[in-house]
Amino acid sequence: MNISIKSLPLLLILSVFVLACNTKPVSVEKNNIRVIKGLYSYGPEIKSFTDCEEGNEYWVTDSAKTLELAYNNFNFEKPYEPVYIEVECHIIKSDSLIIAADFDSTMVVTKLLKISKEIPDGPCN
């Protein structure tokens, strides 16, 4: 098969297009959204969450920007007072270069469903 130099750019573009169409997405994190319930603590250095049912601890990232605001609206005298929350989120591996590295995973909050000072009876106590 003879390929002229003039057709090389076209072949390159076509091969990139074919490869791009056959590549699976690298991240499907947003498809793994789930509802999780537990205790959230917030302060100047730590944003943590403890899952009431499984006992796992997570670093928290508030992509919805409503969780931290709702927490601050309680006007606690001291930071890190736990509150009960129910959120939609997905879990990702923690960044090893920031304080979140102390946690195996990071909970990325996409929607705040409930926040309360009242911690319900059950596994959260």
C-alpha atoms as a PDB file:
ATOM      1  CA  MET A   1       0.000   0.000   0.000  1.00  0.00           C
ATOM      2  CA  ASN A   2       1.442   3.340  -1.063  1.00  0.00           C
ATOM      3  CA  ILE A   3       0.656   6.286   1.182  1.00  0.00           C
ATOM      4  CA  SER A   4       1.517   9.715  -0.058  1.00  0.00           C
ATOM      5  CA  ILE A   5       2.866  12.380   2.243  1.00  0.00           C
ATOM      6  CA  LYS A   6      -0.202  14.498   1.510  1.00  0.00           C
ATOM      7  CA  SER A   7      -2.525  11.861   3.012  1.00  0.00           C
ATOM      8  CA  LEU A   8      -0.602  11.468   6.295  1.00  0.00           C
ATOM      9  CA  PRO A   9      -2.363  14.351   8.109  1.00  0.00           C
ATOM     10  CA  LEU A  10      -5.746  12.909   7.155  1.00  0.00           C
ATOM     11  CA  LEU A  11      -4.736   9.439   8.362  1.00  0.00           C
ATOM     12  CA  LEU A  12      -3.458  10.901  11.621  1.00  0.00           C
ATOM     13  CA  ILE A  13      -6.724  12.759  12.235  1.00  0.00           C
ATOM     14  CA  LEU A  14      -8.783   9.660  11.412  1.00  0.00           C
ATOM     15  CA  SER A  15      -6.719   7.435  13.708  1.00  0.00           C
ATOM     16  CA  VAL A  16      -7.062   9.915  16.606  1.00  0.00           C
ATOM     17  CA  PHE A  17     -10.806  10.066  16.001  1.00  0.00           C
ATOM     18  CA  VAL A  18     -11.138   6.263  15.971  1.00  0.00           C
ATOM     19  CA  LEU A  19      -9.080   5.913  19.158  1.00  0.00           C
ATOM     20  CA  ALA A  20     -11.055   8.632  20.935  1.00  0.00           C
ATOM     21  CA  CYS A  21     -14.354   6.975  20.063  1.00  0.00           C
ATOM     22  CA  ASN A  22     -13.205   3.602  21.384  1.00  0.00           C
ATOM     23  CA  THR A  23     -11.746   4.875  24.675  1.00  0.00           C
ATOM     24  CA  LYS A  24     -13.719   4.386  27.880  1.00  0.00           C
ATOM     25  CA  PRO A  25     -14.016   7.399  30.200  1.00  0.00           C
ATOM     26  CA  VAL A  26     -11.289   7.537  32.832  1.00  0.00           C
ATOM     27  CA  SER A  27     -13.554   8.604  35.666  1.00  0.00           C
ATOM     28  CA  VAL A  28     -17.068   7.404  36.354  1.00  0.00           C
ATOM     29  CA  GLU A  29     -17.155   8.730  39.915  1.00  0.00           C
ATOM     30  CA  LYS A  30     -20.274  10.813  39.339  1.00  0.00           C
ATOM     31  CA  ASN A  31     -22.198   7.695  38.392  1.00  0.00           C
ATOM     32  CA  ASN A  32     -21.451   6.240  41.838  1.00  0.00           C
ATOM     33  CA  ILE A  33     -23.525   8.796  43.754  1.00  0.00           C
ATOM     34  CA  ARG A  34     -25.107   7.382  46.877  1.00  0.00           C
ATOM     35  CA  VAL A  35     -26.907   8.602  49.976  1.00  0.00           C
ATOM     36  CA  ILE A  36     -24.874   8.329  53.155  1.00  0.00           C
ATOM     37  CA  LYS A  37     -25.777   9.173  56.784  1.00  0.00           C
ATOM     38  CA  GLY A  38     -23.492   9.975  59.658  1.00  0.00           C
ATOM     39  CA  LEU A  39     -21.677  12.510  61.796  1.00  0.00           C
ATOM     40  CA  TYR A  40     -19.942  15.528  60.280  1.00  0.00           C
ATOM     41  CA  SER A  41     -17.387  17.707  62.096  1.00  0.00           C
ATOM     42  CA  TYR A  42     -16.035  20.939  60.701  1.00  0.00           C
ATOM     43  CA  GLY A  43     -13.326  23.329  61.808  1.00  0.00           C
ATOM     44  CA  PRO A  44     -10.322  25.320  60.627  1.00  0.00           C
ATOM     45  CA  GLU A  45      -8.148  22.267  59.995  1.00  0.00           C
ATOM     46  CA  ILE A  46     -10.408  19.239  59.708  1.00  0.00           C
ATOM     47  CA  LYS A  47     -13.566  18.429  57.742  1.00  0.00           C
ATOM     48  CA  SER A  48     -14.446  14.853  58.638  1.00  0.00           C
ATOM     49  CA  PHE A  49     -17.361  12.469  58.379  1.00  0.00           C
ATOM     50  CA  THR A  50     -18.039   9.192  60.180  1.00  0.00           C
ATOM     51  CA  ASP A  51     -20.437   6.804  58.482  1.00  0.00           C
ATOM     52  CA  CYS A  52     -22.874   5.615  61.179  1.00  0.00           C
ATOM     53  CA  GLU A  53     -23.574   2.253  59.561  1.00  0.00           C
ATOM     54  CA  GLU A  54     -20.068   1.169  58.556  1.00  0.00           C
ATOM     55  CA  GLY A  55     -17.942   3.260  60.932  1.00  0.00           C
ATOM     56  CA  ASN A  56     -15.675   4.498  58.122  1.00  0.00           C
ATOM     57  CA  GLU A  57     -14.107   7.944  58.454  1.00  0.00           C
ATOM     58  CA  TYR A  58     -13.766  10.242  55.459  1.00  0.00           C
ATOM     59  CA  TRP A  59     -12.260  13.595  54.647  1.00  0.00           C
ATOM     60  CA  VAL A  60     -15.065  15.816  53.303  1.00  0.00           C
ATOM     61  CA  THR A  61     -15.109  17.997  50.220  1.00  0.00           C
ATOM     62  CA  ASP A  62     -18.243  20.084  49.795  1.00  0.00           C
ATOM     63  CA  SER A  63     -18.738  20.434  46.039  1.00  0.00           C
ATOM     64  CA  ALA A  64     -22.278  21.753  46.601  1.00  0.00           C
ATOM     65  CA  LYS A  65     -20.968  24.518  48.906  1.00  0.00           C
ATOM     66  CA  THR A  66     -24.032  24.110  51.144  1.00  0.00           C
ATOM     67  CA  LEU A  67     -22.749  21.763  53.850  1.00  0.00           C
ATOM     68  CA  GLU A  68     -20.191  24.141  55.380  1.00  0.00           C
ATOM     69  CA  LEU A  69     -22.647  27.037  55.188  1.00  0.00           C
ATOM     70  CA  ALA A  70     -25.388  25.032  56.937  1.00  0.00           C
ATOM     71  CA  TYR A  71     -22.899  23.910  59.609  1.00  0.00           C
ATOM     72  CA  ASN A  72     -21.754  27.500  60.231  1.00  0.00           C
ATOM     73  CA  ASN A  73     -25.389  28.630  60.575  1.00  0.00           C
ATOM     74  CA  PHE A  74     -25.590  26.637  63.833  1.00  0.00           C
ATOM     75  CA  ASN A  75     -23.161  29.205  65.367  1.00  0.00           C
ATOM     76  CA  PHE A  76     -21.306  26.717  67.584  1.00  0.00           C
ATOM     77  CA  GLU A  77     -19.064  28.266  70.236  1.00  0.00           C
ATOM     78  CA  LYS A  78     -16.314  25.747  69.479  1.00  0.00           C
ATOM     79  CA  PRO A  79     -15.315  24.128  66.180  1.00  0.00           C
ATOM     80  CA  TYR A  80     -15.639  20.414  65.492  1.00  0.00           C
ATOM     81  CA  GLU A  81     -19.033  19.912  67.160  1.00  0.00           C
ATOM     82  CA  PRO A  82     -20.538  16.864  65.443  1.00  0.00           C
ATOM     83  CA  VAL A  83     -23.841  17.154  63.607  1.00  0.00           C
ATOM     84  CA  TYR A  84     -25.943  14.493  61.943  1.00  0.00           C
ATOM     85  CA  ILE A  85     -26.101  14.743  58.154  1.00  0.00           C
ATOM     86  CA  GLU A  86     -27.625  12.898  55.238  1.00  0.00           C
ATOM     87  CA  VAL A  87     -25.999  13.675  51.904  1.00  0.00           C
ATOM     88  CA  GLU A  88     -25.710  12.557  48.314  1.00  0.00           C
ATOM     89  CA  CYS A  89     -22.042  11.932  47.605  1.00  0.00           C
ATOM     90  CA  HIS A  90     -19.419   9.826  45.939  1.00  0.00           C
ATOM     91  CA  ILE A  91     -16.239   8.452  47.450  1.00  0.00           C
ATOM     92  CA  ILE A  92     -12.800   8.978  45.914  1.00  0.00           C
ATOM     93  CA  LYS A  93      -9.233   8.180  46.964  1.00  0.00           C
ATOM     94  CA  SER A  94      -7.759  10.936  49.140  1.00  0.00           C
ATOM     95  CA  ASP A  95      -5.054  13.238  47.782  1.00  0.00           C
ATOM     96  CA  SER A  96      -1.743  12.268  49.378  1.00  0.00           C
ATOM     97  CA  LEU A  97      -0.378  15.823  49.264  1.00  0.00           C
ATOM     98  CA  ILE A  98      -2.858  17.485  51.600  1.00  0.00           C
ATOM     99  CA  ILE A  99      -4.215  16.844  55.078  1.00  0.00           C
ATOM    100  CA  ALA A 100      -6.812  14.537  53.537  1.00  0.00           C
ATOM    101  CA  ALA A 101      -3.975  12.001  53.228  1.00  0.00           C
ATOM    102  CA  ASP A 102      -4.699  11.040  56.848  1.00  0.00           C
ATOM    103  CA  PHE A 103      -7.961   9.559  55.518  1.00  0.00           C
ATOM    104  CA  ASP A 104      -8.048   6.672  53.042  1.00  0.00           C
ATOM    105  CA  SER A 105     -10.961   8.178  51.166  1.00  0.00           C
ATOM    106  CA  THR A 106     -12.613  11.511  50.533  1.00  0.00           C
ATOM    107  CA  MET A 107     -16.370  11.954  50.524  1.00  0.00           C
ATOM    108  CA  VAL A 108     -17.371  14.456  47.837  1.00  0.00           C
ATOM    109  CA  VAL A 109     -20.745  15.923  48.829  1.00  0.00           C
ATOM    110  CA  THR A 110     -22.936  16.737  45.856  1.00  0.00           C
ATOM    111  CA  LYS A 111     -26.164  17.513  47.712  1.00  0.00           C
ATOM    112  CA  LEU A 112     -27.066  18.156  51.351  1.00  0.00           C
ATOM    113  CA  LEU A 113     -30.307  16.337  52.199  1.00  0.00           C
ATOM    114  CA  LYS A 114     -30.475  16.875  55.981  1.00  0.00           C
ATOM    115  CA  ILE A 115     -28.419  18.446  58.752  1.00  0.00           C
ATOM    116  CA  SER A 116     -29.307  18.433  62.440  1.00  0.00           C
ATOM    117  CA  LYS A 117     -27.775  19.073  65.846  1.00  0.00           C
ATOM    118  CA  GLU A 118     -29.940  16.211  67.079  1.00  0.00           C
ATOM    119  CA  ILE A 119     -28.076  12.953  66.658  1.00  0.00           C
ATOM    120  CA  PRO A 120     -30.586  10.111  66.244  1.00  0.00           C
ATOM    121  CA  ASP A 121     -30.525   7.015  68.427  1.00  0.00           C
ATOM    122  CA  GLY A 122     -28.831   4.044  66.860  1.00  0.00           C
ATOM    123  CA  PRO A 123     -25.391   3.386  65.467  1.00  0.00           C
ATOM    124  CA  CYS A 124     -24.415   7.098  65.511  1.00  0.00           C
ATOM    125  CA  ASN A 125     -24.335   7.209  69.318  1.00  0.00           C
END
